[in-house]
Amino acid sequence: QVQLTESGGGSVQAGGSLRLSCKASGRILSTYGVGWFRQVPEKEREFVAAITWSNGDTYSADSVKDRFTISRDNVVNTVYLQMNSLKPEDTAVYYCAAARVFRSATMPESDFEYWGQGTQVTVSS
């Protein structure tokens, strides 16, 4: 079992920055990957970024590629999402999720077995 706890959400004005954290606990294997997804009401959850636990390979959605950076600190079992140049359309609940292995670069939700409770990010114009 893997438990994921997000933190770092909040409210910020457009152009500002936030850093989300995802603390993982439990039995984390080296093959695992961790991703961030986001969801707004009445829309499907959207992939944002992901990173492999072992060698730090990263994947990002085109909509955030030049603004968001995912990283991890294996010592404290934490994955970070640094979000810069935030836009109102980035407003969403952000979820951290873990997959036993990344099967596809498209990062379908079905590959992710463990999920955090989510943290709200609100960007005002």
C-alpha atoms as a PDB file:
ATOM      1  CA  GLN A   1       0.000   0.000   0.000  1.00  0.00           C
ATOM      2  CA  VAL A   2       1.096   3.546  -0.756  1.00  0.00           C
ATOM      3  CA  GLN A   3      -0.324   6.653   0.884  1.00  0.00           C
ATOM      4  CA  LEU A   4      -0.061  10.055  -0.753  1.00  0.00           C
ATOM      5  CA  THR A   5      -0.576  13.407   0.944  1.00  0.00           C
ATOM      6  CA  GLU A   6      -0.656  16.655  -1.020  1.00  0.00           C
ATOM      7  CA  SER A   7       0.040  20.108   0.350  1.00  0.00           C
ATOM      8  CA  GLY A   8       0.876  23.561  -0.906  1.00  0.00           C
ATOM      9  CA  GLY A   9      -2.339  24.576  -2.620  1.00  0.00           C
ATOM     10  CA  GLY A  10      -3.852  28.010  -2.146  1.00  0.00           C
ATOM     11  CA  SER A  11      -4.904  31.206  -3.848  1.00  0.00           C
ATOM     12  CA  VAL A  12      -2.634  33.339  -5.985  1.00  0.00           C
ATOM     13  CA  GLN A  13      -2.968  36.072  -8.562  1.00  0.00           C
ATOM     14  CA  ALA A  14      -2.294  35.457 -12.231  1.00  0.00           C
ATOM     15  CA  GLY A  15       1.429  35.423 -12.959  1.00  0.00           C
ATOM     16  CA  GLY A  16       2.235  34.144  -9.493  1.00  0.00           C
ATOM     17  CA  SER A  17       3.770  30.861  -8.356  1.00  0.00           C
ATOM     18  CA  LEU A  18       2.936  27.961  -6.089  1.00  0.00           C
ATOM     19  CA  ARG A  19       4.745  24.755  -5.189  1.00  0.00           C
ATOM     20  CA  LEU A  20       2.742  21.635  -4.499  1.00  0.00           C
ATOM     21  CA  SER A  21       4.179  18.749  -2.508  1.00  0.00           C
ATOM     22  CA  CYS A  22       3.208  15.093  -2.536  1.00  0.00           C
ATOM     23  CA  LYS A  23       4.541  13.084   0.391  1.00  0.00           C
ATOM     24  CA  ALA A  24       4.544   9.330  -0.211  1.00  0.00           C
ATOM     25  CA  SER A  25       4.578   6.712   2.506  1.00  0.00           C
ATOM     26  CA  GLY A  26       4.286   2.955   2.545  1.00  0.00           C
ATOM     27  CA  ARG A  27       5.921   0.384   0.288  1.00  0.00           C
ATOM     28  CA  ILE A  28       7.353   2.373  -2.627  1.00  0.00           C
ATOM     29  CA  LEU A  29       9.143   0.306  -5.238  1.00  0.00           C
ATOM     30  CA  SER A  30      11.841   1.685  -7.520  1.00  0.00           C
ATOM     31  CA  THR A  31       9.642   1.064 -10.570  1.00  0.00           C
ATOM     32  CA  TYR A  32       6.959   3.430  -9.323  1.00  0.00           C
ATOM     33  CA  GLY A  33       6.118   6.720 -10.956  1.00  0.00           C
ATOM     34  CA  VAL A  34       4.255   9.674  -9.512  1.00  0.00           C
ATOM     35  CA  GLY A  35       2.059  12.058 -11.402  1.00  0.00           C
ATOM     36  CA  TRP A  36      -0.025  15.153 -10.911  1.00  0.00           C
ATOM     37  CA  PHE A  37      -3.512  15.496 -12.309  1.00  0.00           C
ATOM     38  CA  ARG A  38      -6.038  18.305 -12.004  1.00  0.00           C
ATOM     39  CA  GLN A  39      -9.787  18.538 -12.202  1.00  0.00           C
ATOM     40  CA  VAL A  40     -12.378  21.298 -12.423  1.00  0.00           C
ATOM     41  CA  PRO A  41     -16.067  20.712 -11.728  1.00  0.00           C
ATOM     42  CA  GLU A  42     -17.957  18.871 -14.466  1.00  0.00           C
ATOM     43  CA  LYS A  43     -14.792  18.096 -16.421  1.00  0.00           C
ATOM     44  CA  GLU A  44     -12.635  15.009 -16.616  1.00  0.00           C
ATOM     45  CA  ARG A  45      -9.437  14.807 -14.656  1.00  0.00           C
ATOM     46  CA  GLU A  46      -6.486  16.042 -16.718  1.00  0.00           C
ATOM     47  CA  PHE A  47      -2.876  14.856 -16.684  1.00  0.00           C
ATOM     48  CA  VAL A  48      -0.391  17.577 -15.725  1.00  0.00           C
ATOM     49  CA  ALA A  49       3.044  16.064 -15.152  1.00  0.00           C
ATOM     50  CA  ALA A  50       4.755  12.876 -14.011  1.00  0.00           C
ATOM     51  CA  ILE A  51       8.150  11.610 -12.906  1.00  0.00           C
ATOM     52  CA  THR A  52       9.719   8.191 -12.485  1.00  0.00           C
ATOM     53  CA  TRP A  53      10.848   7.418  -8.983  1.00  0.00           C
ATOM     54  CA  SER A  54      14.125   5.746  -9.920  1.00  0.00           C
ATOM     55  CA  ASN A  55      15.844   7.929 -12.505  1.00  0.00           C
ATOM     56  CA  GLY A  56      13.699  11.052 -12.554  1.00  0.00           C
ATOM     57  CA  ASP A  57      12.444  10.927 -16.138  1.00  0.00           C
ATOM     58  CA  THR A  58       9.742  13.561 -16.514  1.00  0.00           C
ATOM     59  CA  TYR A  59       6.612  13.964 -18.615  1.00  0.00           C
ATOM     60  CA  SER A  60       4.477  17.092 -18.933  1.00  0.00           C
ATOM     61  CA  ALA A  61       1.273  18.134 -20.636  1.00  0.00           C
ATOM     62  CA  ASP A  62       1.777  20.635 -23.433  1.00  0.00           C
ATOM     63  CA  SER A  63      -0.408  23.179 -21.611  1.00  0.00           C
ATOM     64  CA  VAL A  64       2.044  23.442 -18.713  1.00  0.00           C
ATOM     65  CA  LYS A  65       5.363  22.379 -20.221  1.00  0.00           C
ATOM     66  CA  ASP A  66       7.034  25.795 -20.140  1.00  0.00           C
ATOM     67  CA  ARG A  67       5.575  26.836 -16.783  1.00  0.00           C
ATOM     68  CA  PHE A  68       5.409  23.814 -14.469  1.00  0.00           C
ATOM     69  CA  THR A  69       8.325  21.682 -13.294  1.00  0.00           C
ATOM     70  CA  ILE A  70       8.043  18.323 -11.573  1.00  0.00           C
ATOM     71  CA  SER A  71      10.835  17.013  -9.378  1.00  0.00           C
ATOM     72  CA  ARG A  72      11.372  14.504  -6.594  1.00  0.00           C
ATOM     73  CA  ASP A  73      13.434  14.080  -3.461  1.00  0.00           C
ATOM     74  CA  ASN A  74      13.910  10.377  -2.813  1.00  0.00           C
ATOM     75  CA  VAL A  75      15.381  11.010   0.636  1.00  0.00           C
ATOM     76  CA  VAL A  76      12.106  12.414   1.953  1.00  0.00           C
ATOM     77  CA  ASN A  77       9.866  10.494  -0.478  1.00  0.00           C
ATOM     78  CA  THR A  78       8.334  13.675  -1.837  1.00  0.00           C
ATOM     79  CA  VAL A  79       7.407  14.823  -5.333  1.00  0.00           C
ATOM     80  CA  TYR A  80       7.063  18.518  -6.064  1.00  0.00           C
ATOM     81  CA  LEU A  81       5.202  20.485  -8.699  1.00  0.00           C
ATOM     82  CA  GLN A  82       6.607  23.975  -9.126  1.00  0.00           C
ATOM     83  CA  MET A  83       4.005  26.084 -10.894  1.00  0.00           C
ATOM     84  CA  ASN A  84       5.094  29.434 -12.337  1.00  0.00           C
ATOM     85  CA  SER A  85       3.315  32.046 -14.459  1.00  0.00           C
ATOM     86  CA  LEU A  86      -0.008  30.751 -13.230  1.00  0.00           C
ATOM     87  CA  LYS A  87      -3.134  31.519 -15.222  1.00  0.00           C
ATOM     88  CA  PRO A  88      -6.800  31.560 -14.172  1.00  0.00           C
ATOM     89  CA  GLU A  89      -7.322  28.435 -16.287  1.00  0.00           C
ATOM     90  CA  ASP A  90      -4.906  26.585 -13.982  1.00  0.00           C
ATOM     91  CA  THR A  91      -7.544  26.806 -11.256  1.00  0.00           C
ATOM     92  CA  ALA A  92      -8.449  23.257 -10.230  1.00  0.00           C
ATOM     93  CA  VAL A  93      -8.131  20.610  -7.573  1.00  0.00           C
ATOM     94  CA  TYR A  94      -4.706  19.054  -8.018  1.00  0.00           C
ATOM     95  CA  TYR A  95      -4.223  15.367  -7.250  1.00  0.00           C
ATOM     96  CA  CYS A  96      -1.079  13.398  -6.723  1.00  0.00           C
ATOM     97  CA  ALA A  97      -1.123   9.780  -7.918  1.00  0.00           C
ATOM     98  CA  ALA A  98       1.255   6.827  -8.027  1.00  0.00           C
ATOM     99  CA  ALA A  99       1.587   4.128 -10.660  1.00  0.00           C
ATOM    100  CA  ARG A 100       3.486   0.847 -10.320  1.00  0.00           C
ATOM    101  CA  VAL A 101       4.956   1.523 -13.736  1.00  0.00           C
ATOM    102  CA  PHE A 102       4.347   4.014 -16.533  1.00  0.00           C
ATOM    103  CA  ARG A 103       2.931   2.031 -19.447  1.00  0.00           C
ATOM    104  CA  SER A 104       2.261   4.936 -21.783  1.00  0.00           C
ATOM    105  CA  ALA A 105       3.516   8.483 -22.246  1.00  0.00           C
ATOM    106  CA  THR A 106      -0.133   9.555 -22.452  1.00  0.00           C
ATOM    107  CA  MET A 107      -0.437   8.791 -18.713  1.00  0.00           C
ATOM    108  CA  PRO A 108      -4.005   7.463 -18.567  1.00  0.00           C
ATOM    109  CA  GLU A 109      -5.671   7.640 -15.167  1.00  0.00           C
ATOM    110  CA  SER A 110      -6.172   3.896 -15.212  1.00  0.00           C
ATOM    111  CA  ASP A 111      -2.404   3.359 -14.831  1.00  0.00           C
ATOM    112  CA  PHE A 112      -2.413   5.125 -11.462  1.00  0.00           C
ATOM    113  CA  GLU A 113      -3.386   2.927  -8.542  1.00  0.00           C
ATOM    114  CA  TYR A 114      -2.933   5.247  -5.573  1.00  0.00           C
ATOM    115  CA  TRP A 115      -4.364   8.758  -5.190  1.00  0.00           C
ATOM    116  CA  GLY A 116      -4.109  11.591  -2.714  1.00  0.00           C
ATOM    117  CA  GLN A 117      -7.034  13.584  -1.411  1.00  0.00           C
ATOM    118  CA  GLY A 118      -6.363  16.617  -3.611  1.00  0.00           C
ATOM    119  CA  THR A 119      -5.431  20.222  -2.938  1.00  0.00           C
ATOM    120  CA  GLN A 120      -7.200  23.303  -4.290  1.00  0.00           C
ATOM    121  CA  VAL A 121      -5.336  25.817  -6.457  1.00  0.00           C
ATOM    122  CA  THR A 122      -7.155  29.056  -7.275  1.00  0.00           C
ATOM    123  CA  VAL A 123      -5.684  31.639  -9.646  1.00  0.00           C
ATOM    124  CA  SER A 124      -7.433  34.983  -9.858  1.00  0.00           C
ATOM    125  CA  SER A 125      -7.146  37.434 -12.731  1.00  0.00           C
END
